């Protein structure tokens, strides 16, 4: 997109009130006629910009571009380079491609559409343009491959804290789902490139349902799902929630680097929907059998869930989880996006 048009969108996107053509012209060193021509060009691209007589222009479409994040973030470790794409196969794949080409830690890729959005256990993830948010973040931590699952848990804590600003009832469901009133609102997929004893790159993939699609949820989604706007009872722009998620991940990642996993583990357990409750843990992707029932007793140092089964503790590092005799969990699976 033309740089001037990106700048206009950034100015309008970061304002909750109309911005006058005169103010835009002064900020950008253009004439008011020049501003008007750029506004017309943006409208031709399908972007909804309202004109208010005597007040100026107001952006109505929930669009994103890189310039919009300037001034919103106070990050230390991530977000120095943000790429916003109209479409990609998968934001996780795009970040991993850039990682393999030498991209620095902190790269963020956001996309409106994913043609091959993926979830954990090979499942697909639906990314519906302005109704959803797909974010992937590149980390290059100095940790062992065995510690990488801790970063998934860290991301869940950060995502829960960001969503709770608008929907305080948001909870985590092991391993990587976010639930609101028992319905899935977001998920996480973490991938890495590593060799024995050394991690080269970690990609954190996040998918969030921001609002319900106008035509309803796709028929292939069979589990109970929800979205942030419907559940919170208010409009939350993608720019607002994306900025809050990025800032939260940066804050908790910085805490993790400085203080290790212990504080993250406590925060995760406090926000977990099934802590101390009777659950059914399914092995891997097997929903037809191969499960264990027990009390969710703890999260260990590696991020495994510990279930009290009789007088023994059993350790689960992957699988699906459901609360027994609790309809709010809706037997939801833990497929995550990327």
C-alpha atoms as a PDB file:
ATOM      1  CA  UNK A   1       0.000   0.000   0.000  1.00  0.00           C
ATOM      2  CA  UNK A   2       1.066   3.578  -0.693  1.00  0.00           C
ATOM      3  CA  UNK A   3       3.042   4.942   2.301  1.00  0.00           C
ATOM      4  CA  UNK A   4       0.872   8.045   2.588  1.00  0.00           C
ATOM      5  CA  UNK A   5      -2.273   5.941   2.691  1.00  0.00           C
ATOM      6  CA  UNK A   6      -0.767   3.692   5.367  1.00  0.00           C
ATOM      7  CA  UNK A   7       0.035   6.814   7.392  1.00  0.00           C
ATOM      8  CA  UNK A   8      -3.521   8.130   6.995  1.00  0.00           C
ATOM      9  CA  UNK A   9      -4.903   4.802   8.208  1.00  0.00           C
ATOM     10  CA  UNK A  10      -2.525   4.901  11.171  1.00  0.00           C
ATOM     11  CA  UNK A  11      -3.659   8.398  12.172  1.00  0.00           C
ATOM     12  CA  UNK A  12      -7.329   7.495  11.813  1.00  0.00           C
ATOM     13  CA  UNK A  13      -6.917   4.086  13.447  1.00  0.00           C
ATOM     14  CA  UNK A  14      -5.288   5.573  16.535  1.00  0.00           C
ATOM     15  CA  UNK A  15      -8.050   8.125  17.060  1.00  0.00           C
ATOM     16  CA  UNK A  16     -11.431   7.466  18.633  1.00  0.00           C
ATOM     17  CA  UNK A  17     -12.881  10.668  17.150  1.00  0.00           C
ATOM     18  CA  UNK A  18     -12.905  12.094  13.607  1.00  0.00           C
ATOM     19  CA  UNK A  19      -9.643  13.646  12.405  1.00  0.00           C
ATOM     20  CA  UNK A  20      -9.930  16.742  10.266  1.00  0.00           C
ATOM     21  CA  UNK A  21      -8.435  16.950   6.782  1.00  0.00           C
ATOM     22  CA  UNK A  22      -6.524  20.019   7.954  1.00  0.00           C
ATOM     23  CA  UNK A  23      -4.933  18.099  10.848  1.00  0.00           C
ATOM     24  CA  UNK A  24      -3.992  15.198   8.559  1.00  0.00           C
ATOM     25  CA  UNK A  25      -2.534  17.607   5.986  1.00  0.00           C
ATOM     26  CA  UNK A  26      -0.391  19.326   8.631  1.00  0.00           C
ATOM     27  CA  UNK A  27       0.853  16.052  10.131  1.00  0.00           C
ATOM     28  CA  UNK A  28       1.777  14.609   6.744  1.00  0.00           C
ATOM     29  CA  UNK A  29       2.954  17.702   4.868  1.00  0.00           C
ATOM     30  CA  UNK A  30       0.285  17.326   2.202  1.00  0.00           C
ATOM     31  CA  UNK A  31      -2.497  19.554   0.922  1.00  0.00           C
ATOM     32  CA  UNK A  32      -6.091  18.932   2.019  1.00  0.00           C
ATOM     33  CA  UNK A  33      -6.853  18.040  -1.597  1.00  0.00           C
ATOM     34  CA  UNK A  34      -4.069  15.484  -1.487  1.00  0.00           C
ATOM     35  CA  UNK A  35      -5.537  13.993   1.703  1.00  0.00           C
ATOM     36  CA  UNK A  36      -8.967  13.814   0.095  1.00  0.00           C
ATOM     37  CA  UNK A  37      -7.567  11.964  -2.945  1.00  0.00           C
ATOM     38  CA  UNK A  38      -5.866   9.402  -0.710  1.00  0.00           C
ATOM     39  CA  UNK A  39      -9.101   8.941   1.276  1.00  0.00           C
ATOM     40  CA  UNK A  40     -10.958   8.304  -1.973  1.00  0.00           C
ATOM     41  CA  UNK A  41      -8.360   5.763  -3.044  1.00  0.00           C
ATOM     42  CA  UNK A  42      -8.682   3.935   0.291  1.00  0.00           C
ATOM     43  CA  UNK A  43     -12.441   3.845  -0.083  1.00  0.00           C
ATOM     44  CA  UNK A  44     -12.051   2.282  -3.513  1.00  0.00           C
ATOM     45  CA  UNK A  45     -10.078  -0.489  -1.822  1.00  0.00           C
ATOM     46  CA  UNK A  46     -13.146  -1.253   0.269  1.00  0.00           C
ATOM     47  CA  UNK A  47     -12.036   0.539   3.439  1.00  0.00           C
ATOM     48  CA  UNK A  48     -14.929   2.268   5.209  1.00  0.00           C
ATOM     49  CA  UNK A  49     -13.970   5.857   6.091  1.00  0.00           C
ATOM     50  CA  UNK A  50     -16.803   8.128   7.158  1.00  0.00           C
ATOM     51  CA  UNK A  51     -16.866  11.887   6.532  1.00  0.00           C
ATOM     52  CA  UNK A  52     -18.307  14.102   9.268  1.00  0.00           C
ATOM     53  CA  UNK A  53     -19.108  17.643   8.187  1.00  0.00           C
ATOM     54  CA  UNK A  54     -16.983  20.131  10.060  1.00  0.00           C
ATOM     55  CA  UNK A  55     -15.204  17.394  12.023  1.00  0.00           C
ATOM     56  CA  UNK A  56     -13.238  15.258   9.588  1.00  0.00           C
ATOM     57  CA  UNK A  57     -12.715  11.587   8.752  1.00  0.00           C
ATOM     58  CA  UNK A  58     -13.290   8.503  10.900  1.00  0.00           C
ATOM     59  CA  UNK A  59     -12.117   4.964  10.162  1.00  0.00           C
ATOM     60  CA  UNK A  60     -14.916   2.416  10.516  1.00  0.00           C
ATOM     61  CA  UNK A  61     -13.281  -0.683   9.005  1.00  0.00           C
ATOM     62  CA  UNK A  62     -11.296  -2.839  11.430  1.00  0.00           C
ATOM     63  CA  UNK A  63      -8.084  -2.749   9.400  1.00  0.00           C
ATOM     64  CA  UNK A  64      -4.498  -3.156  10.544  1.00  0.00           C
ATOM     65  CA  UNK A  65      -1.168  -1.926   9.257  1.00  0.00           C
ATOM     66  CA  UNK A  66       2.314  -1.749  10.690  1.00  0.00           C
ATOM     67  CA  UNK A  67       2.241   2.006  11.295  1.00  0.00           C
ATOM     68  CA  UNK A  68      -0.779   1.721  13.583  1.00  0.00           C
ATOM     69  CA  UNK A  69       1.300   0.045  16.299  1.00  0.00           C
ATOM     70  CA  UNK A  70       3.731   2.968  16.614  1.00  0.00           C
ATOM     71  CA  UNK A  71       3.243   4.651  19.974  1.00  0.00           C
ATOM     72  CA  UNK A  72       0.994   1.881  21.299  1.00  0.00           C
ATOM     73  CA  UNK A  73       3.706  -0.545  22.376  1.00  0.00           C
ATOM     74  CA  UNK A  74       6.348  -0.216  25.071  1.00  0.00           C
ATOM     75  CA  UNK A  75       7.960  -3.585  24.439  1.00  0.00           C
ATOM     76  CA  UNK A  76      11.515  -4.572  25.302  1.00  0.00           C
ATOM     77  CA  UNK A  77      12.028  -7.874  23.489  1.00  0.00           C
ATOM     78  CA  UNK A  78       9.426  -8.243  20.756  1.00  0.00           C
ATOM     79  CA  UNK A  79       7.646  -6.030  18.252  1.00  0.00           C
ATOM     80  CA  UNK A  80      10.544  -4.032  16.856  1.00  0.00           C
ATOM     81  CA  UNK A  81       9.564  -5.421  13.423  1.00  0.00           C
ATOM     82  CA  UNK A  82       5.875  -6.014  12.710  1.00  0.00           C
ATOM     83  CA  UNK A  83       4.660  -7.280   9.342  1.00  0.00           C
ATOM     84  CA  UNK A  84       0.937  -7.093   8.487  1.00  0.00           C
ATOM     85  CA  UNK A  85      -0.170  -9.219   5.517  1.00  0.00           C
ATOM     86  CA  UNK A  86      -3.474  -9.416   3.696  1.00  0.00           C
ATOM     87  CA  UNK A  87      -3.012 -13.150   3.188  1.00  0.00           C
ATOM     88  CA  UNK A  88      -0.470 -15.904   3.785  1.00  0.00           C
ATOM     89  CA  UNK A  89      -0.498 -19.673   3.946  1.00  0.00           C
ATOM     90  CA  UNK A  90       0.221 -19.646   7.693  1.00  0.00           C
ATOM     91  CA  UNK A  91       1.648 -16.932   9.916  1.00  0.00           C
ATOM     92  CA  UNK A  92       3.713 -19.564  11.734  1.00  0.00           C
ATOM     93  CA  UNK A  93       5.186 -20.766   8.452  1.00  0.00           C
ATOM     94  CA  UNK A  94       5.908 -17.204   7.352  1.00  0.00           C
ATOM     95  CA  UNK A  95       7.734 -16.432  10.588  1.00  0.00           C
ATOM     96  CA  UNK A  96       9.682 -19.696  10.411  1.00  0.00           C
ATOM     97  CA  UNK A  97      10.707 -18.919   6.828  1.00  0.00           C
ATOM     98  CA  UNK A  98      12.001 -15.538   7.954  1.00  0.00           C
ATOM     99  CA  UNK A  99      13.707 -17.131  10.967  1.00  0.00           C
ATOM    100  CA  UNK A 100      15.568 -19.503   8.662  1.00  0.00           C
ATOM    101  CA  UNK A 101      16.660 -16.464   6.641  1.00  0.00           C
ATOM    102  CA  UNK A 102      18.163 -14.861   9.744  1.00  0.00           C
ATOM    103  CA  UNK A 103      15.352 -12.700  11.142  1.00  0.00           C
ATOM    104  CA  UNK A 104      15.970 -11.316  14.604  1.00  0.00           C
ATOM    105  CA  UNK A 105      14.064 -12.236  17.736  1.00  0.00           C
ATOM    106  CA  UNK A 106      10.889 -10.225  18.171  1.00  0.00           C
ATOM    107  CA  UNK A 107       9.603 -10.386  14.585  1.00  0.00           C
ATOM    108  CA  UNK A 108       5.785 -10.397  14.497  1.00  0.00           C
ATOM    109  CA  UNK A 109       3.627 -11.409  11.530  1.00  0.00           C
ATOM    110  CA  UNK A 110      -0.120 -10.706  11.469  1.00  0.00           C
ATOM    111  CA  UNK A 111      -2.420 -11.797   8.642  1.00  0.00           C
ATOM    112  CA  UNK A 112      -6.057 -11.165   7.751  1.00  0.00           C
ATOM    113  CA  UNK A 113      -6.414 -14.510   5.979  1.00  0.00           C
ATOM    114  CA  UNK A 114      -4.587 -17.843   6.203  1.00  0.00           C
ATOM    115  CA  UNK A 115      -5.045 -20.348   3.404  1.00  0.00           C
ATOM    116  CA  UNK A 116      -3.472 -23.176   5.418  1.00  0.00           C
ATOM    117  CA  UNK A 117      -3.976 -22.125   9.029  1.00  0.00           C
ATOM    118  CA  UNK A 118      -2.970 -25.008  11.263  1.00  0.00           C
ATOM    119  CA  UNK A 119      -3.722 -26.237  14.733  1.00  0.00           C
ATOM    120  CA  UNK A 120      -2.110 -28.638  17.119  1.00  0.00           C
ATOM    121  CA  UNK A 121      -2.285 -32.337  16.178  1.00  0.00           C
ATOM    122  CA  UNK A 122      -2.602 -31.402  12.504  1.00  0.00           C
ATOM    123  CA  UNK A 123      -5.996 -29.740  12.834  1.00  0.00           C
ATOM    124  CA  UNK A 124      -6.996 -26.724  10.775  1.00  0.00           C
ATOM    125  CA  UNK A 125      -7.720 -23.236  12.088  1.00  0.00           C
ATOM    126  CA  UNK A 126     -10.244 -20.858  10.550  1.00  0.00           C
ATOM    127  CA  UNK A 127      -8.996 -17.278  10.037  1.00  0.00           C
ATOM    128  CA  UNK A 128     -11.859 -15.060   8.881  1.00  0.00           C
ATOM    129  CA  UNK A 129     -10.402 -11.723   7.856  1.00  0.00           C
ATOM    130  CA  UNK A 130     -11.462  -8.823  10.036  1.00  0.00           C
ATOM    131  CA  UNK A 131     -13.437 -11.167  12.309  1.00  0.00           C
ATOM    132  CA  UNK A 132     -10.336 -12.840  13.698  1.00  0.00           C
ATOM    133  CA  UNK A 133      -6.715 -12.289  14.555  1.00  0.00           C
ATOM    134  CA  UNK A 134      -3.759 -14.482  13.556  1.00  0.00           C
ATOM    135  CA  UNK A 135      -0.426 -13.493  15.119  1.00  0.00           C
ATOM    136  CA  UNK A 136       2.929 -15.285  15.118  1.00  0.00           C
ATOM    137  CA  UNK A 137       6.003 -14.185  17.046  1.00  0.00           C
ATOM    138  CA  UNK A 138       9.648 -15.211  16.667  1.00  0.00           C
ATOM    139  CA  UNK A 139      11.704 -15.906  19.784  1.00  0.00           C
ATOM    140  CA  UNK A 140      15.321 -17.035  20.030  1.00  0.00           C
ATOM    141  CA  UNK A 141      15.641 -17.943  23.731  1.00  0.00           C
ATOM    142  CA  UNK A 142      18.768 -19.412  25.263  1.00  0.00           C
ATOM    143  CA  UNK A 143      16.993 -22.501  26.615  1.00  0.00           C
ATOM    144  CA  UNK A 144      17.012 -26.236  25.947  1.00  0.00           C
ATOM    145  CA  UNK A 145      14.477 -27.864  23.601  1.00  0.00           C
ATOM    146  CA  UNK A 146      12.915 -29.546  26.634  1.00  0.00           C
ATOM    147  CA  UNK A 147      12.031 -26.130  28.061  1.00  0.00           C
ATOM    148  CA  UNK A 148      10.194 -24.846  24.976  1.00  0.00           C
ATOM    149  CA  UNK A 149       6.747 -26.051  26.205  1.00  0.00           C
ATOM    150  CA  UNK A 150       7.147 -23.506  28.999  1.00  0.00           C
ATOM    151  CA  UNK A 151       6.836 -20.774  26.365  1.00  0.00           C
ATOM    152  CA  UNK A 152       3.424 -22.112  25.324  1.00  0.00           C
ATOM    153  CA  UNK A 153       2.263 -21.816  28.919  1.00  0.00           C
ATOM    154  CA  UNK A 154       3.755 -18.330  29.155  1.00  0.00           C
ATOM    155  CA  UNK A 155       1.817 -17.344  26.025  1.00  0.00           C
ATOM    156  CA  UNK A 156      -1.402 -18.713  27.516  1.00  0.00           C
ATOM    157  CA  UNK A 157      -0.898 -16.604  30.645  1.00  0.00           C
ATOM    158  CA  UNK A 158      -0.224 -13.477  28.585  1.00  0.00           C
ATOM    159  CA  UNK A 159      -3.217 -14.128  26.326  1.00  0.00           C
ATOM    160  CA  UNK A 160      -5.506 -14.724  29.303  1.00  0.00           C
ATOM    161  CA  UNK A 161      -4.380 -11.475  30.940  1.00  0.00           C
ATOM    162  CA  UNK A 162      -4.930  -9.489  27.731  1.00  0.00           C
ATOM    163  CA  UNK A 163      -8.382 -10.952  27.080  1.00  0.00           C
ATOM    164  CA  UNK A 164      -9.382 -10.477  30.728  1.00  0.00           C
ATOM    165  CA  UNK A 165      -9.109  -6.715  30.232  1.00  0.00           C
ATOM    166  CA  UNK A 166     -12.343  -7.062  28.239  1.00  0.00           C
ATOM    167  CA  UNK A 167     -13.727 -10.407  29.436  1.00  0.00           C
ATOM    168  CA  UNK A 168     -12.577 -11.107  33.018  1.00  0.00           C
ATOM    169  CA  UNK A 169     -14.027 -14.639  32.999  1.00  0.00           C
ATOM    170  CA  UNK A 170     -11.501 -15.855  30.409  1.00  0.00           C
ATOM    171  CA  UNK A 171      -9.742 -19.018  31.575  1.00  0.00           C
ATOM    172  CA  UNK A 172      -6.977 -21.282  30.302  1.00  0.00           C
ATOM    173  CA  UNK A 173      -7.651 -24.917  29.434  1.00  0.00           C
ATOM    174  CA  UNK A 174      -4.688 -27.262  29.284  1.00  0.00           C
ATOM    175  CA  UNK A 175      -2.722 -27.427  27.206  1.00  0.00           C
ATOM    176  CA  UNK A 176      -3.183 -24.295  25.080  1.00  0.00           C
ATOM    177  CA  UNK A 177      -6.817 -23.217  24.773  1.00  0.00           C
ATOM    178  CA  UNK A 178      -8.504 -20.080  26.079  1.00  0.00           C
ATOM    179  CA  UNK A 179     -12.133 -20.437  27.133  1.00  0.00           C
ATOM    180  CA  UNK A 180     -14.857 -17.932  27.871  1.00  0.00           C
ATOM    181  CA  UNK A 181     -18.020 -19.223  29.532  1.00  0.00           C
ATOM    182  CA  UNK A 182     -16.956 -22.722  28.518  1.00  0.00           C
ATOM    183  CA  UNK A 183     -16.505 -21.914  24.817  1.00  0.00           C
ATOM    184  CA  UNK A 184     -13.220 -21.678  22.964  1.00  0.00           C
ATOM    185  CA  UNK A 185     -12.197 -18.137  22.107  1.00  0.00           C
ATOM    186  CA  UNK A 186      -8.503 -18.553  21.282  1.00  0.00           C
ATOM    187  CA  UNK A 187      -5.721 -21.089  20.908  1.00  0.00           C
ATOM    188  CA  UNK A 188      -1.955 -21.334  20.696  1.00  0.00           C
ATOM    189  CA  UNK A 189       0.443 -23.345  18.544  1.00  0.00           C
ATOM    190  CA  UNK A 190       4.157 -23.313  19.389  1.00  0.00           C
ATOM    191  CA  UNK A 191       6.758 -24.650  16.960  1.00  0.00           C
ATOM    192  CA  UNK A 192      10.546 -24.725  17.049  1.00  0.00           C
ATOM    193  CA  UNK A 193      13.727 -25.387  15.118  1.00  0.00           C
ATOM    194  CA  UNK A 194      16.307 -27.044  17.325  1.00  0.00           C
ATOM    195  CA  UNK A 195      19.040 -29.616  17.627  1.00  0.00           C
ATOM    196  CA  UNK A 196      20.015 -31.624  20.712  1.00  0.00           C
ATOM    197  CA  UNK A 197      20.804 -29.151  23.473  1.00  0.00           C
ATOM    198  CA  UNK A 198      20.170 -26.003  21.438  1.00  0.00           C
ATOM    199  CA  UNK A 199      17.109 -24.037  20.309  1.00  0.00           C
ATOM    200  CA  UNK A 200      17.521 -22.003  17.128  1.00  0.00           C
ATOM    201  CA  UNK A 201      14.047 -20.518  16.830  1.00  0.00           C
ATOM    202  CA  UNK A 202      10.647 -20.694  18.516  1.00  0.00           C
ATOM    203  CA  UNK A 203       7.460 -19.459  16.859  1.00  0.00           C
ATOM    204  CA  UNK A 204       4.461 -18.624  19.016  1.00  0.00           C
ATOM    205  CA  UNK A 205       1.233 -18.763  16.991  1.00  0.00           C
ATOM    206  CA  UNK A 206      -1.985 -17.240  18.340  1.00  0.00           C
ATOM    207  CA  UNK A 207      -5.470 -17.335  16.878  1.00  0.00           C
ATOM    208  CA  UNK A 208      -8.304 -15.291  18.368  1.00  0.00           C
ATOM    209  CA  UNK A 209     -11.982 -15.014  17.484  1.00  0.00           C
ATOM    210  CA  UNK A 210     -12.556 -11.266  17.660  1.00  0.00           C
ATOM    211  CA  UNK A 211     -16.143 -11.204  16.453  1.00  0.00           C
ATOM    212  CA  UNK A 212     -18.638 -13.673  15.057  1.00  0.00           C
ATOM    213  CA  UNK A 213     -18.554 -13.870  11.240  1.00  0.00           C
ATOM    214  CA  UNK A 214     -21.547 -12.202   9.579  1.00  0.00           C
ATOM    215  CA  UNK A 215     -22.503 -15.534   7.991  1.00  0.00           C
ATOM    216  CA  UNK A 216     -22.011 -17.475  11.205  1.00  0.00           C
ATOM    217  CA  UNK A 217     -19.330 -19.957  12.189  1.00  0.00           C
ATOM    218  CA  UNK A 218     -18.154 -22.371   9.462  1.00  0.00           C
ATOM    219  CA  UNK A 219     -19.972 -25.714   9.489  1.00  0.00           C
ATOM    220  CA  UNK A 220     -16.714 -27.609   9.973  1.00  0.00           C
ATOM    221  CA  UNK A 221     -16.336 -26.062  13.449  1.00  0.00           C
ATOM    222  CA  UNK A 222     -18.191 -28.552  15.634  1.00  0.00           C
ATOM    223  CA  UNK A 223     -17.009 -27.546  19.089  1.00  0.00           C
ATOM    224  CA  UNK A 224     -18.480 -24.747  21.160  1.00  0.00           C
ATOM    225  CA  UNK A 225     -16.829 -21.442  20.218  1.00  0.00           C
ATOM    226  CA  UNK A 226     -17.287 -17.786  21.043  1.00  0.00           C
ATOM    227  CA  UNK A 227     -15.770 -14.409  20.208  1.00  0.00           C
ATOM    228  CA  UNK A 228     -14.455 -11.472  22.192  1.00  0.00           C
ATOM    229  CA  UNK A 229     -16.956  -8.826  21.089  1.00  0.00           C
ATOM    230  CA  UNK A 230     -20.055 -10.946  21.717  1.00  0.00           C
ATOM    231  CA  UNK A 231     -18.822 -12.230  25.053  1.00  0.00           C
ATOM    232  CA  UNK A 232     -17.657  -8.871  26.366  1.00  0.00           C
ATOM    233  CA  UNK A 233     -20.734  -7.046  25.118  1.00  0.00           C
ATOM    234  CA  UNK A 234     -18.700  -4.342  23.417  1.00  0.00           C
ATOM    235  CA  UNK A 235     -16.739  -3.692  20.256  1.00  0.00           C
ATOM    236  CA  UNK A 236     -13.027  -4.387  20.660  1.00  0.00           C
ATOM    237  CA  UNK A 237     -10.923  -3.460  17.651  1.00  0.00           C
ATOM    238  CA  UNK A 238      -8.280  -5.822  16.372  1.00  0.00           C
ATOM    239  CA  UNK A 239      -5.709  -3.058  16.799  1.00  0.00           C
ATOM    240  CA  UNK A 240      -6.579  -2.698  20.479  1.00  0.00           C
ATOM    241  CA  UNK A 241      -6.508  -6.394  21.351  1.00  0.00           C
ATOM    242  CA  UNK A 242      -3.479  -7.142  19.141  1.00  0.00           C
ATOM    243  CA  UNK A 243      -1.516  -4.378  20.907  1.00  0.00           C
ATOM    244  CA  UNK A 244      -2.573  -5.676  24.325  1.00  0.00           C
ATOM    245  CA  UNK A 245      -1.608  -9.251  23.443  1.00  0.00           C
ATOM    246  CA  UNK A 246       1.801  -8.230  22.086  1.00  0.00           C
ATOM    247  CA  UNK A 247       2.516  -6.076  25.145  1.00  0.00           C
ATOM    248  CA  UNK A 248       1.462  -8.852  27.538  1.00  0.00           C
ATOM    249  CA  UNK A 249       3.631 -11.463  25.817  1.00  0.00           C
ATOM    250  CA  UNK A 250       6.596  -9.104  25.947  1.00  0.00           C
ATOM    251  CA  UNK A 251       6.035  -8.444  29.657  1.00  0.00           C
ATOM    252  CA  UNK A 252       5.791 -12.115  30.600  1.00  0.00           C
ATOM    253  CA  UNK A 253       8.622 -13.181  28.296  1.00  0.00           C
ATOM    254  CA  UNK A 254      10.849 -10.582  29.932  1.00  0.00           C
ATOM    255  CA  UNK A 255       9.820 -11.914  33.347  1.00  0.00           C
ATOM    256  CA  UNK A 256      10.577 -15.465  32.206  1.00  0.00           C
ATOM    257  CA  UNK A 257      14.047 -14.551  30.944  1.00  0.00           C
ATOM    258  CA  UNK A 258      14.853 -12.792  34.217  1.00  0.00           C
ATOM    259  CA  UNK A 259      13.167 -15.063  36.763  1.00  0.00           C
ATOM    260  CA  UNK A 260      12.575 -18.407  35.108  1.00  0.00           C
ATOM    261  CA  UNK A 261       9.438 -20.515  34.825  1.00  0.00           C
ATOM    262  CA  UNK A 262       8.299 -20.593  38.479  1.00  0.00           C
ATOM    263  CA  UNK A 263       6.274 -17.334  38.464  1.00  0.00           C
ATOM    264  CA  UNK A 264       4.721 -18.215  35.095  1.00  0.00           C
ATOM    265  CA  UNK A 265       3.703 -21.647  36.364  1.00  0.00           C
ATOM    266  CA  UNK A 266       1.883 -20.155  39.365  1.00  0.00           C
ATOM    267  CA  UNK A 267       0.036 -17.627  37.203  1.00  0.00           C
ATOM    268  CA  UNK A 268      -0.942 -20.370  34.737  1.00  0.00           C
ATOM    269  CA  UNK A 269      -2.316 -22.622  37.477  1.00  0.00           C
ATOM    270  CA  UNK A 270      -4.305 -19.762  39.028  1.00  0.00           C
ATOM    271  CA  UNK A 271      -5.947 -19.074  35.635  1.00  0.00           C
ATOM    272  CA  UNK A 272      -6.564 -22.728  34.677  1.00  0.00           C
ATOM    273  CA  UNK A 273     -10.218 -23.716  34.327  1.00  0.00           C
ATOM    274  CA  UNK A 274      -9.683 -27.211  35.755  1.00  0.00           C
ATOM    275  CA  UNK A 275      -7.268 -26.663  38.636  1.00  0.00           C
ATOM    276  CA  UNK A 276      -8.162 -29.049  41.460  1.00  0.00           C
ATOM    277  CA  UNK A 277     -11.117 -30.512  39.558  1.00  0.00           C
ATOM    278  CA  UNK A 278     -12.053 -33.948  38.282  1.00  0.00           C
ATOM    279  CA  UNK A 279     -11.065 -34.221  34.620  1.00  0.00           C
ATOM    280  CA  UNK A 280     -10.739 -36.719  31.810  1.00  0.00           C
ATOM    281  CA  UNK A 281      -7.417 -36.583  29.962  1.00  0.00           C
ATOM    282  CA  UNK A 282      -7.359 -38.147  26.504  1.00  0.00           C
ATOM    283  CA  UNK A 283      -4.090 -39.461  25.129  1.00  0.00           C
ATOM    284  CA  UNK A 284      -2.909 -37.550  22.055  1.00  0.00           C
ATOM    285  CA  UNK A 285      -5.680 -37.224  19.475  1.00  0.00           C
ATOM    286  CA  UNK A 286      -7.607 -40.291  20.621  1.00  0.00           C
ATOM    287  CA  UNK A 287     -11.164 -39.240  21.551  1.00  0.00           C
ATOM    288  CA  UNK A 288     -12.653 -42.736  21.188  1.00  0.00           C
ATOM    289  CA  UNK A 289     -10.690 -44.337  23.975  1.00  0.00           C
ATOM    290  CA  UNK A 290      -7.417 -44.206  25.840  1.00  0.00           C
ATOM    291  CA  UNK A 291      -8.261 -41.729  28.563  1.00  0.00           C
ATOM    292  CA  UNK A 292      -7.587 -41.338  32.256  1.00  0.00           C
ATOM    293  CA  UNK A 293      -9.839 -39.757  34.874  1.00  0.00           C
ATOM    294  CA  UNK A 294      -8.354 -37.982  37.851  1.00  0.00           C
ATOM    295  CA  UNK A 295      -7.972 -34.754  39.779  1.00  0.00           C
ATOM    296  CA  UNK A 296      -5.932 -32.019  38.075  1.00  0.00           C
ATOM    297  CA  UNK A 297      -3.431 -31.557  40.854  1.00  0.00           C
ATOM    298  CA  UNK A 298      -0.492 -29.566  39.505  1.00  0.00           C
ATOM    299  CA  UNK A 299       1.606 -28.399  36.601  1.00  0.00           C
ATOM    300  CA  UNK A 300       5.184 -29.623  36.667  1.00  0.00           C
ATOM    301  CA  UNK A 301       8.355 -27.761  35.692  1.00  0.00           C
ATOM    302  CA  UNK A 302       8.154 -29.030  32.112  1.00  0.00           C
ATOM    303  CA  UNK A 303       4.562 -27.919  31.622  1.00  0.00           C
ATOM    304  CA  UNK A 304       3.068 -31.394  31.959  1.00  0.00           C
ATOM    305  CA  UNK A 305      -0.294 -31.770  33.697  1.00  0.00           C
ATOM    306  CA  UNK A 306      -0.230 -33.972  36.795  1.00  0.00           C
ATOM    307  CA  UNK A 307      -3.392 -35.963  37.506  1.00  0.00           C
ATOM    308  CA  UNK A 308      -4.076 -37.653  40.824  1.00  0.00           C
ATOM    309  CA  UNK A 309      -5.401 -41.072  39.872  1.00  0.00           C
ATOM    310  CA  UNK A 310      -6.109 -43.031  43.031  1.00  0.00           C
ATOM    311  CA  UNK A 311      -2.966 -42.772  45.124  1.00  0.00           C
ATOM    312  CA  UNK A 312      -0.664 -42.100  42.173  1.00  0.00           C
ATOM    313  CA  UNK A 313       0.257 -39.092  40.053  1.00  0.00           C
ATOM    314  CA  UNK A 314       0.161 -39.510  36.286  1.00  0.00           C
ATOM    315  CA  UNK A 315       1.924 -37.094  33.960  1.00  0.00           C
ATOM    316  CA  UNK A 316       0.422 -35.834  30.678  1.00  0.00           C
ATOM    317  CA  UNK A 317       2.481 -33.855  28.184  1.00  0.00           C
ATOM    318  CA  UNK A 318      -0.047 -33.797  25.316  1.00  0.00           C
ATOM    319  CA  UNK A 319      -3.658 -34.613  24.601  1.00  0.00           C
ATOM    320  CA  UNK A 320      -7.193 -33.336  25.144  1.00  0.00           C
ATOM    321  CA  UNK A 321      -8.844 -32.419  28.402  1.00  0.00           C
ATOM    322  CA  UNK A 322     -12.452 -32.228  29.557  1.00  0.00           C
ATOM    323  CA  UNK A 323     -14.112 -31.536  32.878  1.00  0.00           C
ATOM    324  CA  UNK A 324     -16.315 -34.399  33.967  1.00  0.00           C
ATOM    325  CA  UNK A 325     -20.002 -33.596  34.520  1.00  0.00           C
ATOM    326  CA  UNK A 326     -19.428 -29.973  33.524  1.00  0.00           C
ATOM    327  CA  UNK A 327     -21.359 -29.012  30.418  1.00  0.00           C
ATOM    328  CA  UNK A 328     -19.555 -25.684  30.148  1.00  0.00           C
ATOM    329  CA  UNK A 329     -16.440 -27.437  28.887  1.00  0.00           C
ATOM    330  CA  UNK A 330     -18.536 -28.988  26.091  1.00  0.00           C
ATOM    331  CA  UNK A 331     -15.945 -31.746  25.643  1.00  0.00           C
ATOM    332  CA  UNK A 332     -13.909 -29.226  23.648  1.00  0.00           C
ATOM    333  CA  UNK A 333     -10.734 -30.352  21.946  1.00  0.00           C
ATOM    334  CA  UNK A 334      -7.497 -28.456  22.166  1.00  0.00           C
ATOM    335  CA  UNK A 335      -6.750 -27.609  18.567  1.00  0.00           C
ATOM    336  CA  UNK A 336      -4.656 -24.465  18.264  1.00  0.00           C
ATOM    337  CA  UNK A 337      -4.034 -21.998  15.463  1.00  0.00           C
ATOM    338  CA  UNK A 338      -1.063 -20.764  13.576  1.00  0.00           C
END
